[in-house]
Amino acid sequence: RAKGLIEVEGERLIQRSLRVLREAGVDELVVVTG
């Protein structure tokens, strides 16, 4: 199964990862899929 689509506390892990990176001040974001 796609780990990124697992929901934790109502939020998919892919969105959760991107959110905390943005909140920490990361300027450019890349997601590698397969």
Full PDB file with SEQRES, HELIX, SHEET, SSBOND, CRYST1, ORIGX, SCALE, CONECT and MASTER records, all heavy atoms in Angstrom:
SEQRES   1 A   34  ARG ALA LYS GLY LEU ILE GLU VAL GLU GLY GLU ARG LEU          
SEQRES   2 A   34  ILE GLN ARG SER LEU ARG VAL LEU ARG GLU ALA GLY VAL          
SEQRES   3 A   34  ASP GLU LEU VAL VAL VAL THR GLY                              
HELIX    1 AA1 LYS A    3  LEU A    5  5                                   3    
HELIX    2 AA2 LEU A   13  GLU A   23  1                                  11    
SHEET    1 AA1 2 GLU A   7  VAL A   8  0                                        
SHEET    2 AA1 2 GLU A  11  ARG A  12 -1                                        
CRYST1    1.000    1.000    1.000  90.00  90.00  90.00 P 1           1          
ORIGX1      1.000000  0.000000  0.000000        0.00000                         
ORIGX2      0.000000  1.000000  0.000000        0.00000                         
ORIGX3      0.000000  0.000000  1.000000        0.00000                         
SCALE1      1.000000  0.000000  0.000000        0.00000                         
SCALE2      0.000000  1.000000  0.000000        0.00000                         
SCALE3      0.000000  0.000000  1.000000        0.00000                         
ATOM      1  N   ARG A   1       0.847  -1.197   0.000  1.00  0.00           N  
ATOM      2  CA  ARG A   1       0.000   0.000   0.000  1.00  0.00           C  
ATOM      3  C   ARG A   1       0.875   1.235   0.000  1.00  0.00           C  
ATOM      4  O   ARG A   1       2.032   1.193   0.413  1.00  0.00           O  
ATOM      5  CB  ARG A   1      -0.936   0.025   1.210  1.00  0.00           C  
ATOM      6  CG  ARG A   1      -0.251   0.091   2.544  1.00  0.00           C  
ATOM      7  CD  ARG A   1      -1.246   0.029   3.699  1.00  0.00           C  
ATOM      8  NE  ARG A   1      -2.200   1.132   3.683  1.00  0.00           N  
ATOM      9  CZ  ARG A   1      -3.177   1.275   4.576  1.00  0.00           C  
ATOM     10  NH1 ARG A   1      -3.330   0.372   5.536  1.00  0.00           N  
ATOM     11  NH2 ARG A   1      -4.008   2.295   4.508  1.00  0.00           N  
ATOM     12  N   ALA A   2       0.310   2.326  -0.476  1.00  0.00           N  
ATOM     13  CA  ALA A   2       1.045   3.585  -0.543  1.00  0.00           C  
ATOM     14  C   ALA A   2       1.123   4.206   0.842  1.00  0.00           C  
ATOM     15  O   ALA A   2       0.109   4.652   1.385  1.00  0.00           O  
ATOM     16  CB  ALA A   2       0.354   4.533  -1.513  1.00  0.00           C  
ATOM     17  N   LYS A   3       2.323   4.259   1.412  1.00  0.00           N  
ATOM     18  CA  LYS A   3       2.462   4.835   2.747  1.00  0.00           C  
ATOM     19  C   LYS A   3       2.023   6.290   2.773  1.00  0.00           C  
ATOM     20  O   LYS A   3       1.462   6.771   3.764  1.00  0.00           O  
ATOM     21  CB  LYS A   3       3.908   4.720   3.217  1.00  0.00           C  
ATOM     22  CG  LYS A   3       4.369   3.308   3.526  1.00  0.00           C  
ATOM     23  CD  LYS A   3       5.793   3.327   4.068  1.00  0.00           C  
ATOM     24  CE  LYS A   3       6.274   1.946   4.447  1.00  0.00           C  
ATOM     25  NZ  LYS A   3       7.642   1.978   5.014  1.00  0.00           N  
ATOM     26  N   GLY A   4       2.287   7.011   1.704  1.00  0.00           N  
ATOM     27  CA  GLY A   4       1.944   8.420   1.668  1.00  0.00           C  
ATOM     28  C   GLY A   4       0.465   8.706   1.784  1.00  0.00           C  
ATOM     29  O   GLY A   4       0.065   9.818   2.145  1.00  0.00           O  
ATOM     30  N   LEU A   5      -0.371   7.717   1.487  1.00  0.00           N  
ATOM     31  CA  LEU A   5      -1.821   7.907   1.550  1.00  0.00           C  
ATOM     32  C   LEU A   5      -2.430   7.458   2.878  1.00  0.00           C  
ATOM     33  O   LEU A   5      -3.629   7.611   3.095  1.00  0.00           O  
ATOM     34  CB  LEU A   5      -2.497   7.161   0.394  1.00  0.00           C  
ATOM     35  CG  LEU A   5      -2.067   7.609  -1.010  1.00  0.00           C  
ATOM     36  CD1 LEU A   5      -2.829   6.837  -2.063  1.00  0.00           C  
ATOM     37  CD2 LEU A   5      -2.265   9.114  -1.204  1.00  0.00           C  
ATOM     38  N   ILE A   6      -1.610   6.893   3.755  1.00  0.00           N  
ATOM     39  CA  ILE A   6      -2.090   6.525   5.085  1.00  0.00           C  
ATOM     40  C   ILE A   6      -2.476   7.783   5.844  1.00  0.00           C  
ATOM     41  O   ILE A   6      -1.745   8.783   5.827  1.00  0.00           O  
ATOM     42  CB  ILE A   6      -1.014   5.747   5.858  1.00  0.00           C  
ATOM     43  CG1 ILE A   6      -0.749   4.389   5.193  1.00  0.00           C  
ATOM     44  CG2 ILE A   6      -1.409   5.549   7.328  1.00  0.00           C  
ATOM     45  CD1 ILE A   6       0.448   3.658   5.753  1.00  0.00           C  
ATOM     46  N   GLU A   7      -3.621   7.753   6.506  1.00  0.00           N  
ATOM     47  CA  GLU A   7      -4.074   8.911   7.269  1.00  0.00           C  
ATOM     48  C   GLU A   7      -3.758   8.732   8.753  1.00  0.00           C  
ATOM     49  O   GLU A   7      -4.056   7.697   9.336  1.00  0.00           O  
ATOM     50  CB  GLU A   7      -5.578   9.139   7.088  1.00  0.00           C  
ATOM     51  CG  GLU A   7      -5.946   9.693   5.728  1.00  0.00           C  
ATOM     52  CD  GLU A   7      -7.355  10.253   5.687  1.00  0.00           C  
ATOM     53  OE1 GLU A   7      -7.989  10.390   6.759  1.00  0.00           O  
ATOM     54  OE2 GLU A   7      -7.824  10.555   4.577  1.00  0.00           O  
ATOM     55  N   VAL A   8      -3.157   9.761   9.323  1.00  0.00           N  
ATOM     56  CA  VAL A   8      -2.895   9.825  10.760  1.00  0.00           C  
ATOM     57  C   VAL A   8      -3.489  11.124  11.270  1.00  0.00           C  
ATOM     58  O   VAL A   8      -3.154  12.205  10.760  1.00  0.00           O  
ATOM     59  CB  VAL A   8      -1.381   9.769  11.057  1.00  0.00           C  
ATOM     60  CG1 VAL A   8      -1.109  10.056  12.533  1.00  0.00           C  
ATOM     61  CG2 VAL A   8      -0.807   8.417  10.672  1.00  0.00           C  
ATOM     62  N   GLU A   9      -4.375  11.024  12.227  1.00  0.00           N  
ATOM     63  CA  GLU A   9      -5.049  12.195  12.791  1.00  0.00           C  
ATOM     64  C   GLU A   9      -5.704  13.029  11.695  1.00  0.00           C  
ATOM     65  O   GLU A   9      -5.644  14.264  11.695  1.00  0.00           O  
ATOM     66  CB  GLU A   9      -4.060  13.037  13.609  1.00  0.00           C  
ATOM     67  CG  GLU A   9      -3.485  12.270  14.795  1.00  0.00           C  
ATOM     68  CD  GLU A   9      -2.411  13.053  15.540  1.00  0.00           C  
ATOM     69  OE1 GLU A   9      -1.996  14.113  15.028  1.00  0.00           O  
ATOM     70  OE2 GLU A   9      -2.002  12.593  16.617  1.00  0.00           O  
ATOM     71  N   GLY A  10      -6.321  12.332  10.727  1.00  0.00           N  
ATOM     72  CA  GLY A  10      -7.068  12.996   9.668  1.00  0.00           C  
ATOM     73  C   GLY A  10      -6.234  13.616   8.574  1.00  0.00           C  
ATOM     74  O   GLY A  10      -6.758  14.358   7.730  1.00  0.00           O  
ATOM     75  N   GLU A  11      -4.945  13.314   8.523  1.00  0.00           N  
ATOM     76  CA  GLU A  11      -4.049  13.921   7.538  1.00  0.00           C  
ATOM     77  C   GLU A  11      -3.214  12.831   6.870  1.00  0.00           C  
ATOM     78  O   GLU A  11      -2.603  12.003   7.550  1.00  0.00           O  
ATOM     79  CB  GLU A  11      -3.146  14.936   8.232  1.00  0.00           C  
ATOM     80  CG  GLU A  11      -2.282  15.761   7.311  1.00  0.00           C  
ATOM     81  CD  GLU A  11      -1.468  16.799   8.073  1.00  0.00           C  
ATOM     82  OE1 GLU A  11      -1.142  16.555   9.268  1.00  0.00           O  
ATOM     83  OE2 GLU A  11      -1.161  17.848   7.493  1.00  0.00           O  
ATOM     84  N   ARG A  12      -3.195  12.835   5.544  1.00  0.00           N  
ATOM     85  CA  ARG A  12      -2.371  11.865   4.837  1.00  0.00           C  
ATOM     86  C   ARG A  12      -0.892  12.128   5.113  1.00  0.00           C  
ATOM     87  O   ARG A  12      -0.471  13.278   5.244  1.00  0.00           O  
ATOM     88  CB  ARG A  12      -2.645  11.948   3.334  1.00  0.00           C  
ATOM     89  CG  ARG A  12      -3.989  11.366   2.924  1.00  0.00           C  
ATOM     90  CD  ARG A  12      -4.235  11.599   1.450  1.00  0.00           C  
ATOM     91  NE  ARG A  12      -5.388  10.837   0.972  1.00  0.00           N  
ATOM     92  CZ  ARG A  12      -5.879  10.936  -0.247  1.00  0.00           C  
ATOM     93  NH1 ARG A  12      -5.328  11.770  -1.117  1.00  0.00           N  
ATOM     94  NH2 ARG A  12      -6.919  10.215  -0.610  1.00  0.00           N  
ATOM     95  N   LEU A  13      -0.108  11.056   5.158  1.00  0.00           N  
ATOM     96  CA  LEU A  13       1.299  11.203   5.492  1.00  0.00           C  
ATOM     97  C   LEU A  13       2.043  12.069   4.482  1.00  0.00           C  
ATOM     98  O   LEU A  13       2.973  12.788   4.851  1.00  0.00           O  
ATOM     99  CB  LEU A  13       1.968   9.834   5.602  1.00  0.00           C  
ATOM    100  CG  LEU A  13       1.569   8.978   6.809  1.00  0.00           C  
ATOM    101  CD1 LEU A  13       2.391   7.691   6.827  1.00  0.00           C  
ATOM    102  CD2 LEU A  13       1.759   9.734   8.116  1.00  0.00           C  
ATOM    103  N   ILE A  14       1.661  12.024   3.208  1.00  0.00           N  
ATOM    104  CA  ILE A  14       2.344  12.853   2.217  1.00  0.00           C  
ATOM    105  C   ILE A  14       2.117  14.328   2.512  1.00  0.00           C  
ATOM    106  O   ILE A  14       3.044  15.145   2.462  1.00  0.00           O  
ATOM    107  CB  ILE A  14       1.906  12.481   0.780  1.00  0.00           C  
ATOM    108  CG1 ILE A  14       2.769  13.211  -0.237  1.00  0.00           C  
ATOM    109  CG2 ILE A  14       0.440  12.745   0.543  1.00  0.00           C  
ATOM    110  CD1 ILE A  14       4.198  12.780  -0.267  1.00  0.00           C  
ATOM    111  N   GLN A  15       0.866  14.690   2.850  1.00  0.00           N  
ATOM    112  CA  GLN A  15       0.590  16.097   3.188  1.00  0.00           C  
ATOM    113  C   GLN A  15       1.227  16.488   4.518  1.00  0.00           C  
ATOM    114  O   GLN A  15       1.709  17.614   4.682  1.00  0.00           O  
ATOM    115  CB  GLN A  15      -0.921  16.344   3.238  1.00  0.00           C  
ATOM    116  CG  GLN A  15      -1.531  16.658   1.884  1.00  0.00           C  
ATOM    117  CD  GLN A  15      -2.273  15.476   1.281  1.00  0.00           C  
ATOM    118  OE1 GLN A  15      -2.534  14.496   1.970  1.00  0.00           O  
ATOM    119  NE2 GLN A  15      -2.622  15.565   0.016  1.00  0.00           N  
ATOM    120  N   ARG A  16       1.241  15.552   5.441  1.00  0.00           N  
ATOM    121  CA  ARG A  16       1.843  15.815   6.751  1.00  0.00           C  
ATOM    122  C   ARG A  16       3.334  16.112   6.600  1.00  0.00           C  
ATOM    123  O   ARG A  16       3.867  17.052   7.210  1.00  0.00           O  
ATOM    124  CB  ARG A  16       1.625  14.585   7.634  1.00  0.00           C  
ATOM    125  CG  ARG A  16       1.874  14.778   9.131  1.00  0.00           C  
ATOM    126  CD  ARG A  16       1.606  13.473   9.857  1.00  0.00           C  
ATOM    127  NE  ARG A  16       1.679  13.613  11.283  1.00  0.00           N  
ATOM    128  CZ  ARG A  16       0.649  13.852  12.076  1.00  0.00           C  
ATOM    129  NH1 ARG A  16      -0.559  14.006  11.544  1.00  0.00           N  
ATOM    130  NH2 ARG A  16       0.804  13.956  13.380  1.00  0.00           N  
ATOM    131  N   SER A  17       4.030  15.324   5.791  1.00  0.00           N  
ATOM    132  CA  SER A  17       5.469  15.525   5.565  1.00  0.00           C  
ATOM    133  C   SER A  17       5.737  16.889   4.942  1.00  0.00           C  
ATOM    134  O   SER A  17       6.633  17.627   5.378  1.00  0.00           O  
ATOM    135  CB  SER A  17       6.014  14.425   4.654  1.00  0.00           C  
ATOM    136  OG  SER A  17       5.857  13.153   5.236  1.00  0.00           O  
ATOM    137  N   LEU A  18       4.966  17.236   3.930  1.00  0.00           N  
ATOM    138  CA  LEU A  18       5.154  18.520   3.261  1.00  0.00           C  
ATOM    139  C   LEU A  18       4.838  19.679   4.194  1.00  0.00           C  
ATOM    140  O   LEU A  18       5.521  20.712   4.176  1.00  0.00           O  
ATOM    141  CB  LEU A  18       4.283  18.587   2.008  1.00  0.00           C  
ATOM    142  CG  LEU A  18       4.668  17.602   0.895  1.00  0.00           C  
ATOM    143  CD1 LEU A  18       3.601  17.593  -0.190  1.00  0.00           C  
ATOM    144  CD2 LEU A  18       6.024  17.967   0.303  1.00  0.00           C  
ATOM    145  N   ARG A  19       3.824  19.510   5.017  1.00  0.00           N  
ATOM    146  CA  ARG A  19       3.441  20.588   5.939  1.00  0.00           C  
ATOM    147  C   ARG A  19       4.566  20.903   6.920  1.00  0.00           C  
ATOM    148  O   ARG A  19       4.920  22.069   7.122  1.00  0.00           O  
ATOM    149  CB  ARG A  19       2.167  20.211   6.692  1.00  0.00           C  
ATOM    150  CG  ARG A  19       1.790  21.221   7.782  1.00  0.00           C  
ATOM    151  CD  ARG A  19       0.478  20.883   8.447  1.00  0.00           C  
ATOM    152  NE  ARG A  19       0.463  19.573   9.051  1.00  0.00           N  
ATOM    153  CZ  ARG A  19       1.021  19.266  10.215  1.00  0.00           C  
ATOM    154  NH1 ARG A  19       1.679  20.187  10.920  1.00  0.00           N  
ATOM    155  NH2 ARG A  19       0.936  18.042  10.711  1.00  0.00           N  
ATOM    156  N   VAL A  20       5.126  19.866   7.556  1.00  0.00           N  
ATOM    157  CA  VAL A  20       6.159  20.148   8.567  1.00  0.00           C  
ATOM    158  C   VAL A  20       7.422  20.706   7.916  1.00  0.00           C  
ATOM    159  O   VAL A  20       8.118  21.543   8.515  1.00  0.00           O  
ATOM    160  CB  VAL A  20       6.470  18.909   9.439  1.00  0.00           C  
ATOM    161  CG1 VAL A  20       5.260  18.517  10.264  1.00  0.00           C  
ATOM    162  CG2 VAL A  20       6.974  17.743   8.618  1.00  0.00           C  
ATOM    163  N   LEU A  21       7.725  20.290   6.701  1.00  0.00           N  
ATOM    164  CA  LEU A  21       8.870  20.863   5.999  1.00  0.00           C  
ATOM    165  C   LEU A  21       8.645  22.348   5.726  1.00  0.00           C  
ATOM    166  O   LEU A  21       9.543  23.173   5.945  1.00  0.00           O  
ATOM    167  CB  LEU A  21       9.127  20.111   4.691  1.00  0.00           C  
ATOM    168  CG  LEU A  21       9.756  18.723   4.832  1.00  0.00           C  
ATOM    169  CD1 LEU A  21       9.623  17.941   3.543  1.00  0.00           C  
ATOM    170  CD2 LEU A  21      11.229  18.834   5.231  1.00  0.00           C  
ATOM    171  N   ARG A  22       7.462  22.691   5.262  1.00  0.00           N  
ATOM    172  CA  ARG A  22       7.153  24.106   5.024  1.00  0.00           C  
ATOM    173  C   ARG A  22       7.198  24.898   6.331  1.00  0.00           C  
ATOM    174  O   ARG A  22       7.741  26.005   6.376  1.00  0.00           O  
ATOM    175  CB  ARG A  22       5.778  24.243   4.381  1.00  0.00           C  
ATOM    176  CG  ARG A  22       5.719  23.865   2.915  1.00  0.00           C  
ATOM    177  CD  ARG A  22       4.449  24.382   2.252  1.00  0.00           C  
ATOM    178  NE  ARG A  22       4.408  24.035   0.845  1.00  0.00           N  
ATOM    179  CZ  ARG A  22       3.750  22.990   0.341  1.00  0.00           C  
ATOM    180  NH1 ARG A  22       3.069  22.196   1.160  1.00  0.00           N  
ATOM    181  NH2 ARG A  22       3.764  22.739  -0.954  1.00  0.00           N  
ATOM    182  N   GLU A  23       6.613  24.341   7.365  1.00  0.00           N  
ATOM    183  CA  GLU A  23       6.580  25.043   8.646  1.00  0.00           C  
ATOM    184  C   GLU A  23       7.980  25.279   9.204  1.00  0.00           C  
ATOM    185  O   GLU A  23       8.212  26.246   9.939  1.00  0.00           O  
ATOM    186  CB  GLU A  23       5.743  24.256   9.654  1.00  0.00           C  
ATOM    187  CG  GLU A  23       4.254  24.265   9.351  1.00  0.00           C  
ATOM    188  CD  GLU A  23       3.455  23.363  10.283  1.00  0.00           C  
ATOM    189  OE1 GLU A  23       4.078  22.613  11.064  1.00  0.00           O  
ATOM    190  OE2 GLU A  23       2.211  23.413  10.213  1.00  0.00           O  
ATOM    191  N   ALA A  24       8.910  24.414   8.850  1.00  0.00           N  
ATOM    192  CA  ALA A  24      10.291  24.556   9.321  1.00  0.00           C  
ATOM    193  C   ALA A  24      11.096  25.520   8.462  1.00  0.00           C  
ATOM    194  O   ALA A  24      12.266  25.778   8.758  1.00  0.00           O  
ATOM    195  CB  ALA A  24      10.974  23.192   9.357  1.00  0.00           C  
ATOM    196  N   GLY A  25      10.493  26.038   7.389  1.00  0.00           N  
ATOM    197  CA  GLY A  25      11.169  27.035   6.570  1.00  0.00           C  
ATOM    198  C   GLY A  25      11.893  26.495   5.359  1.00  0.00           C  
ATOM    199  O   GLY A  25      12.726  27.192   4.776  1.00  0.00           O  
ATOM    200  N   VAL A  26      11.581  25.261   4.950  1.00  0.00           N  
ATOM    201  CA  VAL A  26      12.219  24.696   3.757  1.00  0.00           C  
ATOM    202  C   VAL A  26      11.694  25.420   2.518  1.00  0.00           C  
ATOM    203  O   VAL A  26      10.493  25.643   2.374  1.00  0.00           O  
ATOM    204  CB  VAL A  26      11.957  23.182   3.672  1.00  0.00           C  
ATOM    205  CG1 VAL A  26      12.484  22.609   2.368  1.00  0.00           C  
ATOM    206  CG2 VAL A  26      12.604  22.476   4.865  1.00  0.00           C  
ATOM    207  N   ASP A  27      12.601  25.795   1.624  1.00  0.00           N  
ATOM    208  CA  ASP A  27      12.265  26.676   0.500  1.00  0.00           C  
ATOM    209  C   ASP A  27      11.767  25.938  -0.739  1.00  0.00           C  
ATOM    210  O   ASP A  27      10.858  26.413  -1.424  1.00  0.00           O  
ATOM    211  CB  ASP A  27      13.490  27.504   0.122  1.00  0.00           C  
ATOM    212  CG  ASP A  27      13.971  28.363   1.271  1.00  0.00           C  
ATOM    213  OD1 ASP A  27      13.384  29.425   1.506  1.00  0.00           O  
ATOM    214  OD2 ASP A  27      14.939  27.948   1.956  1.00  0.00           O  
ATOM    215  N   GLU A  28      12.380  24.830  -1.079  1.00  0.00           N  
ATOM    216  CA  GLU A  28      11.990  24.054  -2.251  1.00  0.00           C  
ATOM    217  C   GLU A  28      11.608  22.654  -1.811  1.00  0.00           C  
ATOM    218  O   GLU A  28      12.284  22.064  -0.964  1.00  0.00           O  
ATOM    219  CB  GLU A  28      13.137  23.957  -3.267  1.00  0.00           C  
ATOM    220  CG  GLU A  28      13.532  25.266  -3.903  1.00  0.00           C  
ATOM    221  CD  GLU A  28      14.621  25.071  -4.963  1.00  0.00           C  
ATOM    222  OE1 GLU A  28      14.748  23.940  -5.497  1.00  0.00           O  
ATOM    223  OE2 GLU A  28      15.338  26.036  -5.245  1.00  0.00           O  
ATOM    224  N   LEU A  29      10.553  22.119  -2.409  1.00  0.00           N  
ATOM    225  CA  LEU A  29      10.071  20.792  -2.035  1.00  0.00           C  
ATOM    226  C   LEU A  29       9.973  19.891  -3.260  1.00  0.00           C  
ATOM    227  O   LEU A  29       9.417  20.279  -4.289  1.00  0.00           O  
ATOM    228  CB  LEU A  29       8.701  20.896  -1.361  1.00  0.00           C  
ATOM    229  CG  LEU A  29       8.679  21.585   0.007  1.00  0.00           C  
ATOM    230  CD1 LEU A  29       7.249  21.814   0.468  1.00  0.00           C  
ATOM    231  CD2 LEU A  29       9.446  20.767   1.030  1.00  0.00           C  
ATOM    232  N   VAL A  30      10.508  18.690  -3.107  1.00  0.00           N  
ATOM    233  CA  VAL A  30      10.450  17.669  -4.147  1.00  0.00           C  
ATOM    234  C   VAL A  30       9.895  16.397  -3.539  1.00  0.00           C  
ATOM    235  O   VAL A  30      10.301  16.006  -2.437  1.00  0.00           O  
ATOM    236  CB  VAL A  30      11.852  17.388  -4.743  1.00  0.00           C  
ATOM    237  CG1 VAL A  30      11.806  16.206  -5.712  1.00  0.00           C  
ATOM    238  CG2 VAL A  30      12.399  18.629  -5.437  1.00  0.00           C  
ATOM    239  N   VAL A  31       8.974  15.760  -4.232  1.00  0.00           N  
ATOM    240  CA  VAL A  31       8.456  14.456  -3.812  1.00  0.00           C  
ATOM    241  C   VAL A  31       8.855  13.427  -4.859  1.00  0.00           C  
ATOM    242  O   VAL A  31       8.624  13.635  -6.061  1.00  0.00           O  
ATOM    243  CB  VAL A  31       6.921  14.474  -3.662  1.00  0.00           C  
ATOM    244  CG1 VAL A  31       6.410  13.070  -3.317  1.00  0.00           C  
ATOM    245  CG2 VAL A  31       6.493  15.468  -2.599  1.00  0.00           C  
ATOM    246  N   VAL A  32       9.466  12.344  -4.409  1.00  0.00           N  
ATOM    247  CA  VAL A  32       9.847  11.257  -5.309  1.00  0.00           C  
ATOM    248  C   VAL A  32       8.809  10.152  -5.198  1.00  0.00           C  
ATOM    249  O   VAL A  32       8.592   9.599  -4.112  1.00  0.00           O  
ATOM    250  CB  VAL A  32      11.243  10.704  -4.969  1.00  0.00           C  
ATOM    251  CG1 VAL A  32      11.637   9.616  -5.976  1.00  0.00           C  
ATOM    252  CG2 VAL A  32      12.282  11.814  -4.962  1.00  0.00           C  
ATOM    253  N   THR A  33       8.159   9.856  -6.307  1.00  0.00           N  
ATOM    254  CA  THR A  33       7.160   8.788  -6.343  1.00  0.00           C  
ATOM    255  C   THR A  33       7.658   7.646  -7.231  1.00  0.00           C  
ATOM    256  O   THR A  33       8.653   7.782  -7.939  1.00  0.00           O  
ATOM    257  CB  THR A  33       5.803   9.303  -6.862  1.00  0.00           C  
ATOM    258  OG1 THR A  33       5.969   9.806  -8.202  1.00  0.00           O  
ATOM    259  CG2 THR A  33       5.267  10.411  -5.973  1.00  0.00           C  
ATOM    260  N   GLY A  34       6.959   6.545  -7.175  1.00  0.00           N  
ATOM    261  CA  GLY A  34       7.319   5.380  -7.979  1.00  0.00           C  
ATOM    262  C   GLY A  34       6.123   4.464  -8.042  1.00  0.00           C  
ATOM    263  O   GLY A  34       5.235   4.618  -8.865  1.00  0.00           O  
TER     264      GLY A  34                                                      
MASTER        0    0    0    2    2    0    0    6  263    1    0    3          
END                                                                             
